[in-house]
Amino acid sequence: MKKKSLFLFSIISLLSFNLQAQIGGRYAYSFLEQPVSARIAALGGNAAAINDNDINIGFVNPSLINPGMDNMLGFNYVNYFAGFNYGSLQYANTFKKAGSFMATLQFMDYGTFDYADEGGNINGTFGASDFALNIGWGRQLDSSFSIGATAKIIYSFYESYTSFGMAVDVAGSYHSKNGWDMSLIARNIGMQMKTYTPGVRDPLPFNFQYVITKRLDHVPFRFQLIYDHIEKWDLTYEDPANPSGGIDPITGEAQYKTGFAKFGDQFMRHIIIGTELYIGKNFILRGAYNYRRRQEMKIDDKTGMVGFSWGFGIRIYKFKINYSRSTYHLVGSPNYISLIFDMDSFIKK
């Protein structure tokens, strides 16, 4: 069984390297990159390897969809920037022979916009939204290995422009005897079936990730490390107005990092560090640091908390409630709210 599991891990790796995406370039359905749940957002990225029956982790890592999520329901809502809102509705069920399944309806609503002519005269309104219907499957192969996949049907419309696409996530996870959890996740492997405009087919936001996590044995603390975008080394974007090495105060010329400083900068753009601190059985504090987000979104003379995220989880009665904020820029931070409950807990036995 372990040989079969290692083979599956190899297939995921080869498939991911053969489907490299353009990071920082033009691609369709960018809403698929955004973290939906409060817990995932508080951990700084859009991936996790924590195997504790959280339906929201099964959404980003299908290899962790398991029988512990059976008949569980989850709601997620994000109050994003500029009046944008997005979220998801999830439900999981397990079948003895087929494995565990999870259905997710994901949406992003960009609000209402005004039609205006060249003179600024308003004549009606229009909307813009993205949707994805996801069906995820997970199966435990043995005590150490599990695999999973999620199929996505994607629909997008911006005014009169519409697009339809299909994608799949594939993942494999390993749980060691001493409590380490590791996952390989290949996300958004697919294509546009119908493009917004004829003859212009954009790639999807593909991402190949490695995640490792461990809850410490004698301290109520968990750490998680994500290596993001394995498929591409250089994730830097050099802004001429804000170069990586700053501006020379004497010549006024742009300076760029070289040598070890450049290597360290490029390496750290892949790294996301998240933590959880367990306070009793019903309360969890979370925090994370995303170096790449900080470098891309900060303002040098006032960096603030850009790149950091935080949140908490609390259990009240039969409900798990999570809240978080992620600082993308000094102009504001999105609010993430999640509600999860087990429907079986309300059925009298």
Protein backbone atom coordinates (compact mmCIF):
# COMPACT_ATOMS: atom_id res chain seq x y z
CA MET A 1 0.00 0.00 0.00
CA LYS A 2 2.83 2.42 0.82
CA LYS A 3 4.45 1.80 -2.56
CA LYS A 4 1.13 2.63 -4.23
CA SER A 5 0.86 5.82 -2.14
CA LEU A 6 4.37 6.96 -3.06
CA PHE A 7 3.51 6.35 -6.71
CA LEU A 8 0.48 8.62 -6.38
CA PHE A 9 2.66 11.32 -4.81
CA SER A 10 5.01 11.03 -7.81
CA ILE A 11 2.13 11.39 -10.25
CA ILE A 12 0.98 14.57 -8.50
CA SER A 13 4.51 15.99 -8.71
CA LEU A 14 5.01 15.20 -12.40
CA LEU A 15 1.56 16.50 -13.32
CA SER A 16 2.21 19.74 -11.45
CA PHE A 17 5.55 20.46 -13.10
CA ASN A 18 4.07 19.81 -16.55
CA LEU A 19 1.25 22.31 -15.92
CA GLN A 20 3.17 25.39 -14.83
CA ALA A 21 1.17 28.59 -14.73
CA GLN A 22 2.09 32.21 -15.31
CA ILE A 23 2.45 33.76 -11.87
CA GLY A 24 2.01 37.47 -11.88
CA GLY A 25 0.67 37.33 -15.44
CA ARG A 26 -2.80 37.23 -16.89
CA TYR A 27 -5.09 34.40 -15.92
CA ALA A 28 -8.78 33.68 -15.52
CA TYR A 29 -10.82 33.00 -12.37
CA SER A 30 -8.43 34.65 -9.91
CA PHE A 31 -11.13 34.33 -7.22
CA LEU A 32 -10.10 30.68 -6.88
CA GLU A 33 -6.86 31.88 -5.23
CA GLN A 34 -8.61 33.69 -2.40
CA PRO A 35 -8.93 31.99 1.00
CA VAL A 36 -12.58 31.50 1.85
CA SER A 37 -12.59 30.26 5.44
CA ALA A 38 -11.54 32.34 8.45
CA ARG A 39 -9.21 29.62 9.73
CA ILE A 40 -7.34 29.28 6.44
CA ALA A 41 -7.04 33.07 6.09
CA ALA A 42 -5.69 33.38 9.64
CA LEU A 43 -2.98 30.85 8.72
CA GLY A 44 -1.75 33.23 6.02
CA GLY A 45 -2.36 31.39 2.73
CA ASN A 46 -4.84 29.14 0.98
CA ALA A 47 -3.66 25.67 1.97
CA ALA A 48 -3.43 23.51 5.10
CA ALA A 49 -2.39 20.03 6.19
CA ILE A 50 -4.11 19.95 9.59
CA ASN A 51 -5.99 16.68 9.91
CA ASP A 52 -8.65 17.45 12.55
CA ASN A 53 -11.94 16.93 10.65
CA ASP A 54 -12.35 20.59 9.68
CA ILE A 55 -14.58 20.77 6.59
CA ASN A 56 -12.87 24.00 5.50
CA ILE A 57 -9.49 22.29 5.41
CA GLY A 58 -11.04 19.54 3.27
CA PHE A 59 -12.03 22.29 0.82
CA VAL A 60 -8.41 23.41 0.23
CA ASN A 61 -6.88 19.93 0.68
CA PRO A 62 -9.15 17.15 -0.63
CA SER A 63 -6.84 14.40 0.64
CA LEU A 64 -8.03 15.33 4.16
CA ILE A 65 -11.74 14.85 3.40
CA ASN A 66 -12.59 11.99 5.77
CA PRO A 67 -15.46 10.24 7.62
CA GLY A 68 -15.04 12.63 10.56
CA MET A 69 -16.70 15.31 8.39
CA ASP A 70 -19.79 13.19 7.70
CA ASN A 71 -23.01 15.24 7.65
CA MET A 72 -21.12 18.42 8.51
CA LEU A 73 -22.22 21.81 7.18
CA GLY A 74 -20.10 24.93 6.79
CA PHE A 75 -20.81 28.58 5.92
CA ASN A 76 -18.10 31.13 5.06
CA TYR A 77 -18.46 34.84 4.39
CA VAL A 78 -15.80 37.43 3.54
CA ASN A 79 -16.32 41.18 3.63
CA TYR A 80 -13.69 42.11 1.05
CA PHE A 81 -12.53 45.46 -0.36
CA ALA A 82 -14.62 48.10 -2.18
CA GLY A 83 -17.96 46.48 -1.43
CA PHE A 84 -16.93 43.08 -2.82
CA ASN A 85 -18.25 40.04 -0.97
CA TYR A 86 -17.58 36.36 -1.36
CA GLY A 87 -18.05 33.09 0.46
CA SER A 88 -19.05 29.45 0.27
CA LEU A 89 -21.51 26.82 1.45
CA GLN A 90 -20.18 23.30 2.09
CA TYR A 91 -21.60 19.91 2.96
CA ALA A 92 -19.80 16.57 3.48
CA ASN A 93 -21.02 12.98 3.47
CA THR A 94 -19.34 9.58 3.63
CA PHE A 95 -20.19 6.36 1.82
CA LYS A 96 -18.66 3.14 3.13
CA LYS A 97 -17.32 1.80 -0.17
CA ALA A 98 -16.86 4.98 -2.23
CA GLY A 99 -15.15 7.18 0.36
CA SER A 100 -15.91 10.65 1.69
CA PHE A 101 -17.36 13.43 -0.48
CA MET A 102 -17.81 17.16 -0.08
CA ALA A 103 -19.89 19.57 -2.18
CA THR A 104 -19.05 23.29 -2.14
CA LEU A 105 -20.76 26.25 -3.77
CA GLN A 106 -18.26 29.10 -3.97
CA PHE A 107 -19.13 32.64 -5.11
CA MET A 108 -17.67 36.12 -5.45
CA ASP A 109 -19.97 39.12 -5.94
CA TYR A 110 -18.34 42.29 -7.25
CA GLY A 111 -21.43 44.41 -6.70
CA THR A 112 -23.31 46.72 -9.04
CA PHE A 113 -21.69 49.12 -11.51
CA ASP A 114 -23.07 52.07 -13.45
CA TYR A 115 -23.26 52.28 -17.21
CA ALA A 116 -21.85 55.65 -18.24
CA ASP A 117 -21.16 57.29 -21.58
CA GLU A 118 -18.13 59.42 -22.50
CA GLY A 119 -19.75 62.44 -20.92
CA GLY A 120 -20.25 60.68 -17.59
CA ASN A 121 -24.01 60.34 -17.99
CA ILE A 122 -25.29 57.30 -16.14
CA ASN A 123 -27.68 55.02 -17.98
CA GLY A 124 -28.49 51.88 -16.01
CA THR A 125 -26.41 49.39 -14.06
CA PHE A 126 -24.80 45.97 -14.51
CA GLY A 127 -23.34 43.27 -12.28
CA ALA A 128 -20.33 40.98 -12.13
CA SER A 129 -19.89 37.66 -10.32
CA ASP A 130 -17.90 34.44 -10.26
CA PHE A 131 -19.18 31.00 -9.22
CA ALA A 132 -17.68 27.56 -8.76
CA LEU A 133 -19.40 24.28 -7.94
CA ASN A 134 -16.87 21.88 -6.39
CA ILE A 135 -17.21 18.16 -5.72
CA GLY A 136 -14.39 16.82 -3.57
CA TRP A 137 -13.47 13.24 -2.70
CA GLY A 138 -11.03 11.84 -0.16
CA ARG A 139 -9.94 8.38 0.88
CA GLN A 140 -7.65 6.97 3.56
CA LEU A 141 -5.32 4.38 2.02
CA ASP A 142 -3.77 3.22 5.27
CA SER A 143 -2.79 4.63 8.65
CA SER A 144 -0.23 6.96 7.05
CA PHE A 145 -1.42 7.93 3.54
CA SER A 146 -4.55 9.53 2.12
CA ILE A 147 -5.44 10.92 -1.30
CA GLY A 148 -8.13 13.18 -2.69
CA ALA A 149 -9.34 15.24 -5.62
CA THR A 150 -11.81 18.05 -6.26
CA ALA A 151 -13.57 18.68 -9.58
CA LYS A 152 -14.65 22.27 -10.28
CA ILE A 153 -17.22 23.70 -12.65
CA ILE A 154 -16.59 27.44 -12.98
CA TYR A 155 -18.88 30.13 -14.34
CA SER A 156 -18.06 33.82 -14.59
CA PHE A 157 -19.91 36.83 -15.94
CA TYR A 158 -18.87 40.48 -16.16
CA GLU A 159 -21.64 42.54 -17.73
CA SER A 160 -22.23 40.85 -21.13
CA TYR A 161 -18.98 38.87 -21.03
CA THR A 162 -19.26 35.29 -19.80
CA SER A 163 -16.85 32.42 -19.38
CA PHE A 164 -17.10 28.76 -18.44
CA GLY A 165 -14.25 26.56 -17.24
CA MET A 166 -13.39 23.28 -15.60
CA ALA A 167 -10.56 22.44 -13.21
CA VAL A 168 -9.41 19.85 -10.72
CA ASP A 169 -7.35 19.84 -7.52
CA VAL A 170 -5.39 16.72 -6.60
CA ALA A 171 -3.67 16.09 -3.28
CA GLY A 172 -1.90 13.49 -1.21
CA SER A 173 -1.15 13.55 2.52
CA TYR A 174 1.18 11.67 4.85
CA HIS A 175 0.79 11.35 8.62
CA SER A 176 3.87 10.20 10.51
CA LYS A 177 3.84 8.16 13.71
CA ASN A 178 5.32 11.06 15.68
CA GLY A 179 2.60 13.52 14.66
CA TRP A 180 3.93 15.29 11.56
CA ASP A 181 1.38 15.94 8.80
CA MET A 182 2.55 16.69 5.25
CA SER A 183 0.65 17.32 2.03
CA LEU A 184 1.31 17.94 -1.64
CA ILE A 185 -1.49 19.88 -3.33
CA ALA A 186 -1.86 20.75 -7.01
CA ARG A 187 -4.63 23.33 -7.43
CA ASN A 188 -6.63 24.57 -10.41
CA ILE A 189 -5.44 22.20 -13.12
CA GLY A 190 -7.78 22.97 -16.00
CA MET A 191 -8.77 25.39 -18.72
CA GLN A 192 -11.40 27.78 -19.99
CA MET A 193 -13.99 25.92 -22.06
CA LYS A 194 -15.69 29.16 -23.13
CA THR A 195 -13.65 32.37 -23.15
CA TYR A 196 -14.76 35.93 -22.39
CA THR A 197 -13.78 37.00 -25.90
CA PRO A 198 -13.23 34.77 -28.95
CA GLY A 199 -9.68 33.57 -29.48
CA VAL A 200 -8.33 34.75 -26.12
CA ARG A 201 -7.88 31.80 -23.78
CA ASP A 202 -6.33 32.64 -20.40
CA PRO A 203 -4.57 30.14 -18.11
CA LEU A 204 -6.02 29.28 -14.71
CA PRO A 205 -4.27 30.26 -11.44
CA PHE A 206 -2.38 26.98 -11.03
CA ASN A 207 -0.46 26.43 -7.80
CA PHE A 208 1.60 23.48 -6.58
CA GLN A 209 2.08 23.55 -2.80
CA TYR A 210 3.87 21.63 -0.08
CA VAL A 211 2.49 21.95 3.45
CA ILE A 212 3.90 20.61 6.70
CA THR A 213 2.42 20.96 10.17
CA LYS A 214 2.78 19.60 13.70
CA ARG A 215 1.09 20.10 17.01
CA LEU A 216 3.71 20.04 19.75
CA ASP A 217 3.48 17.18 22.24
CA HIS A 218 3.78 19.04 25.54
CA VAL A 219 2.78 22.58 24.55
CA PRO A 220 -0.71 23.63 23.31
CA PHE A 221 0.80 25.01 20.11
CA ARG A 222 0.76 24.07 16.42
CA PHE A 223 2.88 25.47 13.62
CA GLN A 224 2.33 25.19 9.88
CA LEU A 225 4.70 25.98 7.03
CA ILE A 226 3.60 26.34 3.41
CA TYR A 227 6.00 26.29 0.48
CA ASP A 228 3.89 28.04 -2.14
CA HIS A 229 4.27 27.74 -5.92
CA ILE A 230 6.78 24.90 -6.18
CA GLU A 231 6.40 25.03 -9.97
CA LYS A 232 8.09 28.44 -10.35
CA TRP A 233 11.16 29.76 -8.56
CA ASP A 234 11.15 33.50 -9.25
CA LEU A 235 7.96 35.10 -7.92
CA THR A 236 9.35 38.64 -7.75
CA TYR A 237 7.79 41.62 -9.42
CA GLU A 238 10.20 44.50 -9.80
CA ASP A 239 8.38 47.82 -9.65
CA PRO A 240 10.60 50.58 -11.14
CA ALA A 241 9.03 53.05 -8.72
CA ASN A 242 9.65 50.77 -5.73
CA PRO A 243 12.67 48.52 -6.48
CA SER A 244 13.65 45.66 -4.17
CA GLY A 245 16.92 47.37 -3.18
CA GLY A 246 15.43 50.84 -2.74
CA ILE A 247 16.56 54.12 -4.30
CA ASP A 248 20.15 55.32 -4.07
CA PRO A 249 19.97 58.53 -1.99
CA ILE A 250 22.85 60.13 -3.92
CA THR A 251 22.24 59.18 -7.55
CA GLY A 252 18.50 58.64 -7.30
CA GLU A 253 18.86 55.43 -9.30
CA ALA A 254 16.93 52.24 -8.61
CA GLN A 255 18.83 49.53 -6.73
CA TYR A 256 18.12 45.82 -7.01
CA LYS A 257 19.06 42.94 -4.75
CA THR A 258 21.86 40.67 -5.91
CA GLY A 259 23.70 37.56 -4.68
CA PHE A 260 22.58 36.00 -1.41
CA ALA A 261 20.14 38.84 -0.67
CA LYS A 262 18.36 38.14 -3.97
CA PHE A 263 18.33 34.38 -3.32
CA GLY A 264 16.94 34.88 0.21
CA ASP A 265 14.25 37.25 -1.06
CA GLN A 266 13.17 34.84 -3.79
CA PHE A 267 13.14 31.87 -1.40
CA MET A 268 11.12 33.66 1.28
CA ARG A 269 8.45 34.64 -1.26
CA HIS A 270 7.48 30.95 -1.27
CA ILE A 271 7.23 30.66 2.51
CA ILE A 272 4.10 31.22 4.63
CA ILE A 273 4.32 30.56 8.37
CA GLY A 274 1.16 30.02 10.45
CA THR A 275 0.52 29.13 14.08
CA GLU A 276 -2.30 28.08 16.39
CA LEU A 277 -2.34 28.42 20.17
CA TYR A 278 -4.91 26.26 21.98
CA ILE A 279 -6.37 27.88 25.09
CA GLY A 280 -8.52 25.24 26.74
CA LYS A 281 -10.82 23.00 24.69
CA ASN A 282 -13.00 25.71 23.17
CA PHE A 283 -10.76 28.63 22.20
CA ILE A 284 -7.90 28.93 19.68
CA LEU A 285 -5.74 31.91 18.75
CA ARG A 286 -4.15 32.03 15.28
CA GLY A 287 -1.56 34.12 13.49
CA ALA A 288 0.61 34.02 10.36
CA TYR A 289 3.17 35.86 8.27
CA ASN A 290 3.18 35.94 4.46
CA TYR A 291 6.48 37.42 3.26
CA ARG A 292 5.52 37.65 -0.40
CA ARG A 293 2.30 39.51 0.39
CA ARG A 294 4.24 41.98 2.51
CA GLN A 295 6.86 42.65 -0.17
CA GLU A 296 4.27 43.15 -2.90
CA MET A 297 1.77 45.26 -0.96
CA LYS A 298 3.75 47.32 1.55
CA ILE A 299 4.55 51.03 1.35
CA ASP A 300 8.20 51.45 2.33
CA ASP A 301 7.78 54.52 4.53
CA LYS A 302 4.82 52.99 6.38
CA THR A 303 4.81 49.21 6.28
CA GLY A 304 2.41 48.62 9.17
CA MET A 305 1.16 45.04 9.59
CA VAL A 306 0.98 44.25 5.87
CA GLY A 307 1.60 40.54 5.36
CA PHE A 308 0.38 39.53 8.81
CA SER A 309 -2.94 37.85 9.60
CA TRP A 310 -4.63 36.85 12.82
CA GLY A 311 -7.81 35.27 14.08
CA PHE A 312 -9.51 33.07 16.61
CA GLY A 313 -11.78 30.07 16.81
CA ILE A 314 -14.36 29.40 19.47
CA ARG A 315 -16.78 26.58 20.17
CA ILE A 316 -20.21 27.66 21.45
CA TYR A 317 -22.68 24.90 22.18
CA LYS A 318 -22.59 22.75 19.01
CA PHE A 319 -21.17 25.42 16.73
CA LYS A 320 -17.59 26.24 15.73
CA ILE A 321 -17.17 29.93 14.94
CA ASN A 322 -13.99 31.30 13.37
CA TYR A 323 -13.05 34.91 12.71
CA SER A 324 -9.94 36.44 11.14
CA ARG A 325 -8.44 39.50 9.47
CA SER A 326 -5.65 39.58 6.90
CA THR A 327 -3.71 42.79 6.30
CA TYR A 328 -3.19 43.11 2.55
CA HIS A 329 -2.62 46.84 2.54
CA LEU A 330 -2.78 49.87 4.79
CA VAL A 331 -6.15 50.84 3.29
CA GLY A 332 -7.85 47.98 5.13
CA SER A 333 -8.15 44.32 6.01
CA PRO A 334 -10.84 41.87 4.91
CA ASN A 335 -13.02 40.28 7.58
CA TYR A 336 -13.53 36.50 7.43
CA ILE A 337 -16.32 34.71 9.30
CA SER A 338 -16.96 30.95 9.34
CA LEU A 339 -19.63 28.81 10.98
CA ILE A 340 -19.40 25.00 11.13
CA PHE A 341 -21.66 22.46 12.79
CA ASP A 342 -22.37 18.75 12.69
CA MET A 343 -25.97 18.14 11.68
CA ASP A 344 -25.97 14.79 13.48
CA SER A 345 -25.47 16.60 16.79
CA PHE A 346 -29.02 17.97 16.53
CA ILE A 347 -30.60 14.57 15.99
CA LYS A 348 -31.82 12.84 19.13
CA LYS A 349 -30.60 9.27 19.33
